Amino acid sequence: GQYVAEGGMIMQLENYAQLWVEADLYPGEASLIKPGENVQVI
């Protein structure tokens, strides 16, 4: 029953079949992990 404008937000869908793994590190350790390298996630 609510009125919406053109382009108004309706809803958002999220697919969890693939997730991101984010990790924090200090700037001095940035050179130790480079894009393309494999890491182990537990």
PDB file of all heavy atoms in Angstrom:
ATOM      1  N   GLY A   1       0.792  -1.223   0.000  1.00  0.00           N
ATOM      2  CA  GLY A   1       0.000   0.000   0.000  1.00  0.00           C
ATOM      3  C   GLY A   1       0.818   1.264   0.000  1.00  0.00           C
ATOM      4  O   GLY A   1       0.266   2.363  -0.104  1.00  0.00           O
ATOM      5  N   GLN A   2       2.115   1.154   0.106  1.00  0.00           N
ATOM      6  CA  GLN A   2       2.985   2.332   0.156  1.00  0.00           C
ATOM      7  C   GLN A   2       3.267   2.836  -1.261  1.00  0.00           C
ATOM      8  O   GLN A   2       3.376   2.067  -2.205  1.00  0.00           O
ATOM      9  CB  GLN A   2       4.298   1.956   0.851  1.00  0.00           C
ATOM     10  CG  GLN A   2       5.292   3.092   0.973  1.00  0.00           C
ATOM     11  CD  GLN A   2       6.564   2.652   1.685  1.00  0.00           C
ATOM     12  OE1 GLN A   2       6.569   1.648   2.386  1.00  0.00           O
ATOM     13  NE2 GLN A   2       7.639   3.404   1.479  1.00  0.00           N
ATOM     14  N   TYR A   3       3.376   4.167  -1.403  1.00  0.00           N
ATOM     15  CA  TYR A   3       3.735   4.786  -2.674  1.00  0.00           C
ATOM     16  C   TYR A   3       5.260   4.875  -2.759  1.00  0.00           C
ATOM     17  O   TYR A   3       5.924   5.200  -1.760  1.00  0.00           O
ATOM     18  CB  TYR A   3       3.117   6.180  -2.804  1.00  0.00           C
ATOM     19  CG  TYR A   3       1.673   6.155  -3.220  1.00  0.00           C
ATOM     20  CD1 TYR A   3       0.661   6.010  -2.270  1.00  0.00           C
ATOM     21  CD2 TYR A   3       1.316   6.274  -4.563  1.00  0.00           C
ATOM     22  CE1 TYR A   3      -0.672   5.984  -2.635  1.00  0.00           C
ATOM     23  CE2 TYR A   3      -0.019   6.255  -4.938  1.00  0.00           C
ATOM     24  CZ  TYR A   3      -1.019   6.107  -3.981  1.00  0.00           C
ATOM     25  OH  TYR A   3      -2.335   6.071  -4.356  1.00  0.00           O
ATOM     26  N   VAL A   4       5.771   4.608  -3.949  1.00  0.00           N
ATOM     27  CA  VAL A   4       7.210   4.696  -4.180  1.00  0.00           C
ATOM     28  C   VAL A   4       7.451   5.570  -5.403  1.00  0.00           C
ATOM     29  O   VAL A   4       6.622   5.652  -6.314  1.00  0.00           O
ATOM     30  CB  VAL A   4       7.843   3.305  -4.398  1.00  0.00           C
ATOM     31  CG1 VAL A   4       7.772   2.473  -3.131  1.00  0.00           C
ATOM     32  CG2 VAL A   4       7.183   2.589  -5.555  1.00  0.00           C
ATOM     33  N   ALA A   5       8.607   6.233  -5.412  1.00  0.00           N
ATOM     34  CA  ALA A   5       8.988   7.051  -6.557  1.00  0.00           C
ATOM     35  C   ALA A   5       9.759   6.201  -7.556  1.00  0.00           C
ATOM     36  O   ALA A   5      10.223   5.093  -7.240  1.00  0.00           O
ATOM     37  CB  ALA A   5       9.836   8.226  -6.092  1.00  0.00           C
ATOM     38  N   GLU A   6       9.905   6.702  -8.729  1.00  0.00           N
ATOM     39  CA  GLU A   6      10.686   5.986  -9.733  1.00  0.00           C
ATOM     40  C   GLU A   6      12.143   5.887  -9.268  1.00  0.00           C
ATOM     41  O   GLU A   6      12.761   6.890  -8.912  1.00  0.00           O
ATOM     42  CB  GLU A   6      10.617   6.725 -11.069  1.00  0.00           C
ATOM     43  CG  GLU A   6      11.369   6.036 -12.191  1.00  0.00           C
ATOM     44  CD  GLU A   6      11.231   6.756 -13.510  1.00  0.00           C
ATOM     45  OE1 GLU A   6      10.413   7.708 -13.594  1.00  0.00           O
ATOM     46  OE2 GLU A   6      11.948   6.389 -14.467  1.00  0.00           O
ATOM     47  N   GLY A   7      12.646   4.670  -9.253  1.00  0.00           N
ATOM     48  CA  GLY A   7      13.999   4.431  -8.743  1.00  0.00           C
ATOM     49  C   GLY A   7      14.050   4.219  -7.246  1.00  0.00           C
ATOM     50  O   GLY A   7      15.133   4.030  -6.692  1.00  0.00           O
ATOM     51  N   GLY A   8      12.880   4.254  -6.571  1.00  0.00           N
ATOM     52  CA  GLY A   8      12.860   4.047  -5.129  1.00  0.00           C
ATOM     53  C   GLY A   8      13.257   2.622  -4.751  1.00  0.00           C
ATOM     54  O   GLY A   8      12.972   1.657  -5.451  1.00  0.00           O
ATOM     55  N   MET A   9      13.929   2.490  -3.599  1.00  0.00           N
ATOM     56  CA  MET A   9      14.408   1.198  -3.128  1.00  0.00           C
ATOM     57  C   MET A   9      13.248   0.307  -2.720  1.00  0.00           C
ATOM     58  O   MET A   9      12.365   0.730  -1.972  1.00  0.00           O
ATOM     59  CB  MET A   9      15.359   1.396  -1.941  1.00  0.00           C
ATOM     60  CG  MET A   9      15.921   0.138  -1.354  1.00  0.00           C
ATOM     61  SD  MET A   9      17.127  -0.625  -2.421  1.00  0.00           S
ATOM     62  CE  MET A   9      17.744  -1.913  -1.318  1.00  0.00           C
ATOM     63  N   ILE A  10      13.248  -0.923  -3.211  1.00  0.00           N
ATOM     64  CA  ILE A  10      12.222  -1.895  -2.829  1.00  0.00           C
ATOM     65  C   ILE A  10      12.804  -2.899  -1.845  1.00  0.00           C
ATOM     66  O   ILE A  10      12.365  -3.009  -0.703  1.00  0.00           O
ATOM     67  CB  ILE A  10      11.651  -2.619  -4.069  1.00  0.00           C
ATOM     68  CG1 ILE A  10      11.045  -1.602  -5.032  1.00  0.00           C
ATOM     69  CG2 ILE A  10      10.612  -3.655  -3.648  1.00  0.00           C
ATOM     70  CD1 ILE A  10       9.834  -0.888  -4.514  1.00  0.00           C
ATOM     71  N   MET A  11      13.798  -3.642  -2.272  1.00  0.00           N
ATOM     72  CA  MET A  11      14.430  -4.652  -1.416  1.00  0.00           C
ATOM     73  C   MET A  11      15.806  -4.994  -1.978  1.00  0.00           C
ATOM     74  O   MET A  11      16.173  -4.573  -3.076  1.00  0.00           O
ATOM     75  CB  MET A  11      13.566  -5.902  -1.304  1.00  0.00           C
ATOM     76  CG  MET A  11      13.375  -6.653  -2.612  1.00  0.00           C
ATOM     77  SD  MET A  11      12.298  -8.109  -2.437  1.00  0.00           S
ATOM     78  CE  MET A  11      10.714  -7.317  -2.069  1.00  0.00           C
ATOM     79  N   GLN A  12      16.543  -5.785  -1.174  1.00  0.00           N
ATOM     80  CA  GLN A  12      17.881  -6.217  -1.583  1.00  0.00           C
ATOM     81  C   GLN A  12      18.007  -7.711  -1.347  1.00  0.00           C
ATOM     82  O   GLN A  12      17.616  -8.227  -0.287  1.00  0.00           O
ATOM     83  CB  GLN A  12      18.953  -5.467  -0.778  1.00  0.00           C
ATOM     84  CG  GLN A  12      20.379  -5.859  -1.116  1.00  0.00           C
ATOM     85  CD  GLN A  12      21.396  -4.967  -0.440  1.00  0.00           C
ATOM     86  OE1 GLN A  12      21.464  -3.768  -0.696  1.00  0.00           O
ATOM     87  NE2 GLN A  12      22.196  -5.549   0.440  1.00  0.00           N
ATOM     88  N   LEU A  13      18.555  -8.405  -2.324  1.00  0.00           N
ATOM     89  CA  LEU A  13      18.760  -9.851  -2.241  1.00  0.00           C
ATOM     90  C   LEU A  13      20.256 -10.143  -2.138  1.00  0.00           C
ATOM     91  O   LEU A  13      21.067  -9.529  -2.830  1.00  0.00           O
ATOM     92  CB  LEU A  13      18.185 -10.556  -3.477  1.00  0.00           C
ATOM     93  CG  LEU A  13      16.695 -10.326  -3.777  1.00  0.00           C
ATOM     94  CD1 LEU A  13      16.304 -11.088  -5.034  1.00  0.00           C
ATOM     95  CD2 LEU A  13      15.834 -10.751  -2.600  1.00  0.00           C
ATOM     96  N   GLU A  14      20.610 -11.095  -1.267  1.00  0.00           N
ATOM     97  CA  GLU A  14      22.002 -11.506  -1.116  1.00  0.00           C
ATOM     98  C   GLU A  14      22.110 -13.010  -1.336  1.00  0.00           C
ATOM     99  O   GLU A  14      21.359 -13.782  -0.748  1.00  0.00           O
ATOM    100  CB  GLU A  14      22.532 -11.148   0.279  1.00  0.00           C
ATOM    101  CG  GLU A  14      22.647  -9.647   0.511  1.00  0.00           C
ATOM    102  CD  GLU A  14      23.125  -9.305   1.902  1.00  0.00           C
ATOM    103  OE1 GLU A  14      23.157 -10.243   2.748  1.00  0.00           O
ATOM    104  OE2 GLU A  14      23.475  -8.142   2.161  1.00  0.00           O
ATOM    105  N   ASN A  15      23.046 -13.390  -2.172  1.00  0.00           N
ATOM    106  CA  ASN A  15      23.295 -14.799  -2.451  1.00  0.00           C
ATOM    107  C   ASN A  15      24.527 -15.240  -1.678  1.00  0.00           C
ATOM    108  O   ASN A  15      25.608 -14.667  -1.852  1.00  0.00           O
ATOM    109  CB  ASN A  15      23.498 -15.015  -3.954  1.00  0.00           C
ATOM    110  CG  ASN A  15      23.454 -16.483  -4.329  1.00  0.00           C
ATOM    111  OD1 ASN A  15      23.722 -17.345  -3.511  1.00  0.00           O
ATOM    112  ND2 ASN A  15      23.112 -16.765  -5.574  1.00  0.00           N
ATOM    113  N   TYR A  16      24.377 -16.235  -0.820  1.00  0.00           N
ATOM    114  CA  TYR A  16      25.459 -16.688   0.035  1.00  0.00           C
ATOM    115  C   TYR A  16      26.180 -17.917  -0.512  1.00  0.00           C
ATOM    116  O   TYR A  16      26.933 -18.571   0.225  1.00  0.00           O
ATOM    117  CB  TYR A  16      24.929 -16.988   1.437  1.00  0.00           C
ATOM    118  CG  TYR A  16      24.215 -15.819   2.066  1.00  0.00           C
ATOM    119  CD1 TYR A  16      23.038 -16.011   2.800  1.00  0.00           C
ATOM    120  CD2 TYR A  16      24.697 -14.524   1.931  1.00  0.00           C
ATOM    121  CE1 TYR A  16      22.377 -14.934   3.378  1.00  0.00           C
ATOM    122  CE2 TYR A  16      24.040 -13.455   2.500  1.00  0.00           C
ATOM    123  CZ  TYR A  16      22.882 -13.660   3.228  1.00  0.00           C
ATOM    124  OH  TYR A  16      22.227 -12.590   3.791  1.00  0.00           O
ATOM    125  N   ALA A  17      25.969 -18.243  -1.781  1.00  0.00           N
ATOM    126  CA  ALA A  17      26.666 -19.384  -2.367  1.00  0.00           C
ATOM    127  C   ALA A  17      28.164 -19.126  -2.445  1.00  0.00           C
ATOM    128  O   ALA A  17      28.965 -20.062  -2.464  1.00  0.00           O
ATOM    129  CB  ALA A  17      26.103 -19.703  -3.749  1.00  0.00           C
ATOM    130  N   GLN A  18      28.556 -17.869  -2.484  1.00  0.00           N
ATOM    131  CA  GLN A  18      29.969 -17.482  -2.462  1.00  0.00           C
ATOM    132  C   GLN A  18      30.130 -16.309  -1.521  1.00  0.00           C
ATOM    133  O   GLN A  18      29.363 -15.349  -1.571  1.00  0.00           O
ATOM    134  CB  GLN A  18      30.459 -17.118  -3.866  1.00  0.00           C
ATOM    135  CG  GLN A  18      31.907 -16.651  -3.914  1.00  0.00           C
ATOM    136  CD  GLN A  18      32.396 -16.412  -5.324  1.00  0.00           C
ATOM    137  OE1 GLN A  18      32.568 -17.351  -6.083  1.00  0.00           O
ATOM    138  NE2 GLN A  18      32.621 -15.151  -5.672  1.00  0.00           N
ATOM    139  N   LEU A  19      31.136 -16.383  -0.634  1.00  0.00           N
ATOM    140  CA  LEU A  19      31.388 -15.338   0.342  1.00  0.00           C
ATOM    141  C   LEU A  19      32.796 -14.791   0.159  1.00  0.00           C
ATOM    142  O   LEU A  19      33.624 -15.374  -0.535  1.00  0.00           O
ATOM    143  CB  LEU A  19      31.210 -15.880   1.765  1.00  0.00           C
ATOM    144  CG  LEU A  19      29.836 -16.435   2.131  1.00  0.00           C
ATOM    145  CD1 LEU A  19      29.878 -17.052   3.528  1.00  0.00           C
ATOM    146  CD2 LEU A  19      28.773 -15.352   2.073  1.00  0.00           C
ATOM    147  N   TRP A  20      33.030 -13.677   0.826  1.00  0.00           N
ATOM    148  CA  TRP A  20      34.366 -13.111   0.871  1.00  0.00           C
ATOM    149  C   TRP A  20      34.995 -13.433   2.218  1.00  0.00           C
ATOM    150  O   TRP A  20      34.317 -13.448   3.262  1.00  0.00           O
ATOM    151  CB  TRP A  20      34.321 -11.601   0.708  1.00  0.00           C
ATOM    152  CG  TRP A  20      34.387 -11.155  -0.728  1.00  0.00           C
ATOM    153  CD1 TRP A  20      34.498 -11.940  -1.836  1.00  0.00           C
ATOM    154  CD2 TRP A  20      34.345  -9.801  -1.192  1.00  0.00           C
ATOM    155  NE1 TRP A  20      34.525 -11.171  -2.972  1.00  0.00           N
ATOM    156  CE2 TRP A  20      34.437  -9.851  -2.608  1.00  0.00           C
ATOM    157  CE3 TRP A  20      34.239  -8.569  -0.575  1.00  0.00           C
ATOM    158  CZ2 TRP A  20      34.431  -8.718  -3.396  1.00  0.00           C
ATOM    159  CZ3 TRP A  20      34.236  -7.431  -1.355  1.00  0.00           C
ATOM    160  CH2 TRP A  20      34.331  -7.498  -2.758  1.00  0.00           C
ATOM    161  N   VAL A  21      36.303 -13.683   2.206  1.00  0.00           N
ATOM    162  CA  VAL A  21      37.087 -13.801   3.430  1.00  0.00           C
ATOM    163  C   VAL A  21      37.962 -12.560   3.523  1.00  0.00           C
ATOM    164  O   VAL A  21      38.800 -12.312   2.652  1.00  0.00           O
ATOM    165  CB  VAL A  21      37.961 -15.067   3.426  1.00  0.00           C
ATOM    166  CG1 VAL A  21      38.773 -15.147   4.713  1.00  0.00           C
ATOM    167  CG2 VAL A  21      37.097 -16.299   3.271  1.00  0.00           C
ATOM    168  N   GLU A  22      37.751 -11.776   4.570  1.00  0.00           N
ATOM    169  CA  GLU A  22      38.552 -10.574   4.792  1.00  0.00           C
ATOM    170  C   GLU A  22      39.441 -10.776   6.009  1.00  0.00           C
ATOM    171  O   GLU A  22      39.008 -11.351   7.015  1.00  0.00           O
ATOM    172  CB  GLU A  22      37.656  -9.349   5.010  1.00  0.00           C
ATOM    173  CG  GLU A  22      36.934  -8.874   3.754  1.00  0.00           C
ATOM    174  CD  GLU A  22      36.165  -7.590   3.991  1.00  0.00           C
ATOM    175  OE1 GLU A  22      36.006  -7.210   5.177  1.00  0.00           O
ATOM    176  OE2 GLU A  22      35.719  -6.964   3.016  1.00  0.00           O
ATOM    177  N   ALA A  23      40.681 -10.305   5.924  1.00  0.00           N
ATOM    178  CA  ALA A  23      41.620 -10.410   7.037  1.00  0.00           C
ATOM    179  C   ALA A  23      42.352  -9.088   7.194  1.00  0.00           C
ATOM    180  O   ALA A  23      42.578  -8.363   6.221  1.00  0.00           O
ATOM    181  CB  ALA A  23      42.616 -11.543   6.802  1.00  0.00           C
ATOM    182  N   ASP A  24      42.713  -8.767   8.448  1.00  0.00           N
ATOM    183  CA  ASP A  24      43.415  -7.523   8.761  1.00  0.00           C
ATOM    184  C   ASP A  24      44.901  -7.799   8.944  1.00  0.00           C
ATOM    185  O   ASP A  24      45.294  -8.811   9.537  1.00  0.00           O
ATOM    186  CB  ASP A  24      42.857  -6.901  10.048  1.00  0.00           C
ATOM    187  CG  ASP A  24      41.389  -6.542   9.915  1.00  0.00           C
ATOM    188  OD1 ASP A  24      40.977  -6.136   8.819  1.00  0.00           O
ATOM    189  OD2 ASP A  24      40.645  -6.691  10.910  1.00  0.00           O
ATOM    190  N   LEU A  25      45.734  -6.904   8.467  1.00  0.00           N
ATOM    191  CA  LEU A  25      47.168  -7.002   8.674  1.00  0.00           C
ATOM    192  C   LEU A  25      47.759  -5.604   8.740  1.00  0.00           C
ATOM    193  O   LEU A  25      47.166  -4.641   8.246  1.00  0.00           O
ATOM    194  CB  LEU A  25      47.842  -7.811   7.582  1.00  0.00           C
ATOM    195  CG  LEU A  25      48.014  -7.190   6.187  1.00  0.00           C
ATOM    196  CD1 LEU A  25      49.030  -8.000   5.410  1.00  0.00           C
ATOM    197  CD2 LEU A  25      46.722  -7.158   5.426  1.00  0.00           C
ATOM    198  N   TYR A  26      48.940  -5.522   9.366  1.00  0.00           N
ATOM    199  CA  TYR A  26      49.611  -4.237   9.498  1.00  0.00           C
ATOM    200  C   TYR A  26      50.294  -3.863   8.174  1.00  0.00           C
ATOM    201  O   TYR A  26      50.659  -4.741   7.389  1.00  0.00           O
ATOM    202  CB  TYR A  26      50.640  -4.295  10.624  1.00  0.00           C
ATOM    203  CG  TYR A  26      50.015  -4.409  11.988  1.00  0.00           C
ATOM    204  CD1 TYR A  26      49.971  -5.637  12.648  1.00  0.00           C
ATOM    205  CD2 TYR A  26      49.447  -3.302  12.613  1.00  0.00           C
ATOM    206  CE1 TYR A  26      49.390  -5.758  13.895  1.00  0.00           C
ATOM    207  CE2 TYR A  26      48.867  -3.410  13.861  1.00  0.00           C
ATOM    208  CZ  TYR A  26      48.832  -4.643  14.493  1.00  0.00           C
ATOM    209  OH  TYR A  26      48.254  -4.756  15.725  1.00  0.00           O
ATOM    210  N   PRO A  27      50.483  -2.566   7.932  1.00  0.00           N
ATOM    211  CA  PRO A  27      51.114  -2.156   6.665  1.00  0.00           C
ATOM    212  C   PRO A  27      52.479  -2.788   6.436  1.00  0.00           C
ATOM    213  O   PRO A  27      52.847  -3.084   5.304  1.00  0.00           O
ATOM    214  CB  PRO A  27      51.213  -0.634   6.808  1.00  0.00           C
ATOM    215  CG  PRO A  27      50.106  -0.260   7.747  1.00  0.00           C
ATOM    216  CD  PRO A  27      50.017  -1.406   8.715  1.00  0.00           C
ATOM    217  N   GLY A  28      53.235  -3.021   7.514  1.00  0.00           N
ATOM    218  CA  GLY A  28      54.544  -3.638   7.356  1.00  0.00           C
ATOM    219  C   GLY A  28      54.489  -5.073   6.886  1.00  0.00           C
ATOM    220  O   GLY A  28      55.491  -5.633   6.430  1.00  0.00           O
ATOM    221  N   GLU A  29      53.324  -5.719   7.020  1.00  0.00           N
ATOM    222  CA  GLU A  29      53.163  -7.099   6.589  1.00  0.00           C
ATOM    223  C   GLU A  29      52.515  -7.206   5.212  1.00  0.00           C
ATOM    224  O   GLU A  29      52.304  -8.309   4.717  1.00  0.00           O
ATOM    225  CB  GLU A  29      52.306  -7.867   7.600  1.00  0.00           C
ATOM    226  CG  GLU A  29      52.874  -7.901   9.000  1.00  0.00           C
ATOM    227  CD  GLU A  29      51.911  -8.519  10.006  1.00  0.00           C
ATOM    228  OE1 GLU A  29      50.685  -8.449   9.764  1.00  0.00           O
ATOM    229  OE2 GLU A  29      52.376  -9.056  11.015  1.00  0.00           O
ATOM    230  N   ALA A  30      52.201  -6.073   4.611  1.00  0.00           N
ATOM    231  CA  ALA A  30      51.479  -6.095   3.334  1.00  0.00           C
ATOM    232  C   ALA A  30      52.270  -6.797   2.247  1.00  0.00           C
ATOM    233  O   ALA A  30      51.703  -7.463   1.377  1.00  0.00           O
ATOM    234  CB  ALA A  30      51.126  -4.672   2.905  1.00  0.00           C
ATOM    235  N   SER A  31      53.600  -6.682   2.294  1.00  0.00           N
ATOM    236  CA  SER A  31      54.412  -7.312   1.248  1.00  0.00           C
ATOM    237  C   SER A  31      54.496  -8.826   1.418  1.00  0.00           C
ATOM    238  O   SER A  31      54.963  -9.515   0.513  1.00  0.00           O
ATOM    239  CB  SER A  31      55.821  -6.719   1.265  1.00  0.00           C
ATOM    240  OG  SER A  31      56.452  -6.945   2.520  1.00  0.00           O
ATOM    241  N   LEU A  32      54.053  -9.340   2.566  1.00  0.00           N
ATOM    242  CA  LEU A  32      54.150 -10.770   2.813  1.00  0.00           C
ATOM    243  C   LEU A  32      53.022 -11.547   2.155  1.00  0.00           C
ATOM    244  O   LEU A  32      53.151 -12.754   1.946  1.00  0.00           O
ATOM    245  CB  LEU A  32      54.151 -11.037   4.326  1.00  0.00           C
ATOM    246  CG  LEU A  32      55.251 -10.325   5.120  1.00  0.00           C
ATOM    247  CD1 LEU A  32      55.132 -10.648   6.587  1.00  0.00           C
ATOM    248  CD2 LEU A  32      56.625 -10.681   4.586  1.00  0.00           C
ATOM    249  N   ILE A  33      51.909 -10.889   1.862  1.00  0.00           N
ATOM    250  CA  ILE A  33      50.774 -11.545   1.204  1.00  0.00           C
ATOM    251  C   ILE A  33      50.429 -10.724  -0.027  1.00  0.00           C
ATOM    252  O   ILE A  33      50.025  -9.573   0.082  1.00  0.00           O
ATOM    253  CB  ILE A  33      49.554 -11.635   2.137  1.00  0.00           C
ATOM    254  CG1 ILE A  33      49.918 -12.399   3.405  1.00  0.00           C
ATOM    255  CG2 ILE A  33      48.387 -12.305   1.437  1.00  0.00           C
ATOM    256  CD1 ILE A  33      48.770 -12.542   4.381  1.00  0.00           C
ATOM    257  N   LYS A  34      50.577 -11.326  -1.173  1.00  0.00           N
ATOM    258  CA  LYS A  34      50.337 -10.627  -2.427  1.00  0.00           C
ATOM    259  C   LYS A  34      49.155 -11.249  -3.155  1.00  0.00           C
ATOM    260  O   LYS A  34      48.864 -12.436  -2.987  1.00  0.00           O
ATOM    261  CB  LYS A  34      51.590 -10.688  -3.305  1.00  0.00           C
ATOM    262  CG  LYS A  34      52.809 -10.038  -2.663  1.00  0.00           C
ATOM    263  CD  LYS A  34      54.013 -10.164  -3.574  1.00  0.00           C
ATOM    264  CE  LYS A  34      55.242  -9.523  -2.929  1.00  0.00           C
ATOM    265  NZ  LYS A  34      56.449  -9.663  -3.784  1.00  0.00           N
ATOM    266  N   PRO A  35      48.448 -10.449  -3.969  1.00  0.00           N
ATOM    267  CA  PRO A  35      47.340 -11.004  -4.756  1.00  0.00           C
ATOM    268  C   PRO A  35      47.825 -12.160  -5.630  1.00  0.00           C
ATOM    269  O   PRO A  35      48.888 -12.115  -6.223  1.00  0.00           O
ATOM    270  CB  PRO A  35      46.882  -9.802  -5.596  1.00  0.00           C
ATOM    271  CG  PRO A  35      47.285  -8.610  -4.789  1.00  0.00           C
ATOM    272  CD  PRO A  35      48.566  -8.988  -4.118  1.00  0.00           C
ATOM    273  N   GLY A  36      47.015 -13.191  -5.679  1.00  0.00           N
ATOM    274  CA  GLY A  36      47.360 -14.385  -6.432  1.00  0.00           C
ATOM    275  C   GLY A  36      47.904 -15.506  -5.581  1.00  0.00           C
ATOM    276  O   GLY A  36      47.963 -16.657  -6.031  1.00  0.00           O
ATOM    277  N   GLU A  37      48.333 -15.203  -4.335  1.00  0.00           N
ATOM    278  CA  GLU A  37      48.851 -16.243  -3.456  1.00  0.00           C
ATOM    279  C   GLU A  37      47.699 -16.975  -2.765  1.00  0.00           C
ATOM    280  O   GLU A  37      46.653 -16.395  -2.479  1.00  0.00           O
ATOM    281  CB  GLU A  37      49.785 -15.638  -2.406  1.00  0.00           C
ATOM    282  CG  GLU A  37      51.059 -15.054  -2.993  1.00  0.00           C
ATOM    283  CD  GLU A  37      51.981 -14.541  -1.917  1.00  0.00           C
ATOM    284  OE1 GLU A  37      51.590 -14.591  -0.737  1.00  0.00           O
ATOM    285  OE2 GLU A  37      53.094 -14.088  -2.250  1.00  0.00           O
ATOM    286  N   ASN A  38      47.922 -18.248  -2.463  1.00  0.00           N
ATOM    287  CA  ASN A  38      46.936 -19.063  -1.770  1.00  0.00           C
ATOM    288  C   ASN A  38      47.197 -19.023  -0.270  1.00  0.00           C
ATOM    289  O   ASN A  38      48.347 -19.073   0.180  1.00  0.00           O
ATOM    290  CB  ASN A  38      46.971 -20.510  -2.263  1.00  0.00           C
ATOM    291  CG  ASN A  38      46.428 -20.654  -3.667  1.00  0.00           C
ATOM    292  OD1 ASN A  38      45.538 -19.921  -4.072  1.00  0.00           O
ATOM    293  ND2 ASN A  38      46.961 -21.590  -4.429  1.00  0.00           N
ATOM    294  N   VAL A  39      46.124 -18.933   0.498  1.00  0.00           N
ATOM    295  CA  VAL A  39      46.200 -18.981   1.952  1.00  0.00           C
ATOM    296  C   VAL A  39      45.255 -20.066   2.443  1.00  0.00           C
ATOM    297  O   VAL A  39      44.356 -20.511   1.730  1.00  0.00           O
ATOM    298  CB  VAL A  39      45.828 -17.627   2.592  1.00  0.00           C
ATOM    299  CG1 VAL A  39      46.804 -16.547   2.177  1.00  0.00           C
ATOM    300  CG2 VAL A  39      44.401 -17.224   2.231  1.00  0.00           C
ATOM    301  N   GLN A  40      45.492 -20.475   3.673  1.00  0.00           N
ATOM    302  CA  GLN A  40      44.622 -21.473   4.297  1.00  0.00           C
ATOM    303  C   GLN A  40      43.642 -20.770   5.236  1.00  0.00           C
ATOM    304  O   GLN A  40      44.044 -19.945   6.051  1.00  0.00           O
ATOM    305  CB  GLN A  40      45.455 -22.492   5.067  1.00  0.00           C
ATOM    306  CG  GLN A  40      44.667 -23.686   5.581  1.00  0.00           C
ATOM    307  CD  GLN A  40      45.546 -24.671   6.319  1.00  0.00           C
ATOM    308  OE1 GLN A  40      46.169 -24.328   7.323  1.00  0.00           O
ATOM    309  NE2 GLN A  40      45.603 -25.900   5.837  1.00  0.00           N
ATOM    310  N   VAL A  41      42.367 -21.108   5.107  1.00  0.00           N
ATOM    311  CA  VAL A  41      41.325 -20.494   5.920  1.00  0.00           C
ATOM    312  C   VAL A  41      40.694 -21.579   6.790  1.00  0.00           C
ATOM    313  O   VAL A  41      40.236 -22.610   6.285  1.00  0.00           O
ATOM    314  CB  VAL A  41      40.253 -19.819   5.048  1.00  0.00           C
ATOM    315  CG1 VAL A  41      39.131 -19.263   5.914  1.00  0.00           C
ATOM    316  CG2 VAL A  41      40.868 -18.712   4.215  1.00  0.00           C
ATOM    317  N   ILE A  42      40.699 -21.329   8.101  1.00  0.00           N
ATOM    318  CA  ILE A  42      40.092 -22.250   9.063  1.00  0.00           C
ATOM    319  C   ILE A  42      38.951 -21.516   9.744  1.00  0.00           C
ATOM    320  O   ILE A  42      39.140 -20.453  10.337  1.00  0.00           O
ATOM    321  CB  ILE A  42      41.121 -22.736  10.092  1.00  0.00           C
ATOM    322  CG1 ILE A  42      42.258 -23.486   9.387  1.00  0.00           C
ATOM    323  CG2 ILE A  42      40.458 -23.623  11.126  1.00  0.00           C
ATOM    324  CD1 ILE A  42      43.354 -23.939  10.316  1.00  0.00           C
TER     325      ILE A  42
END
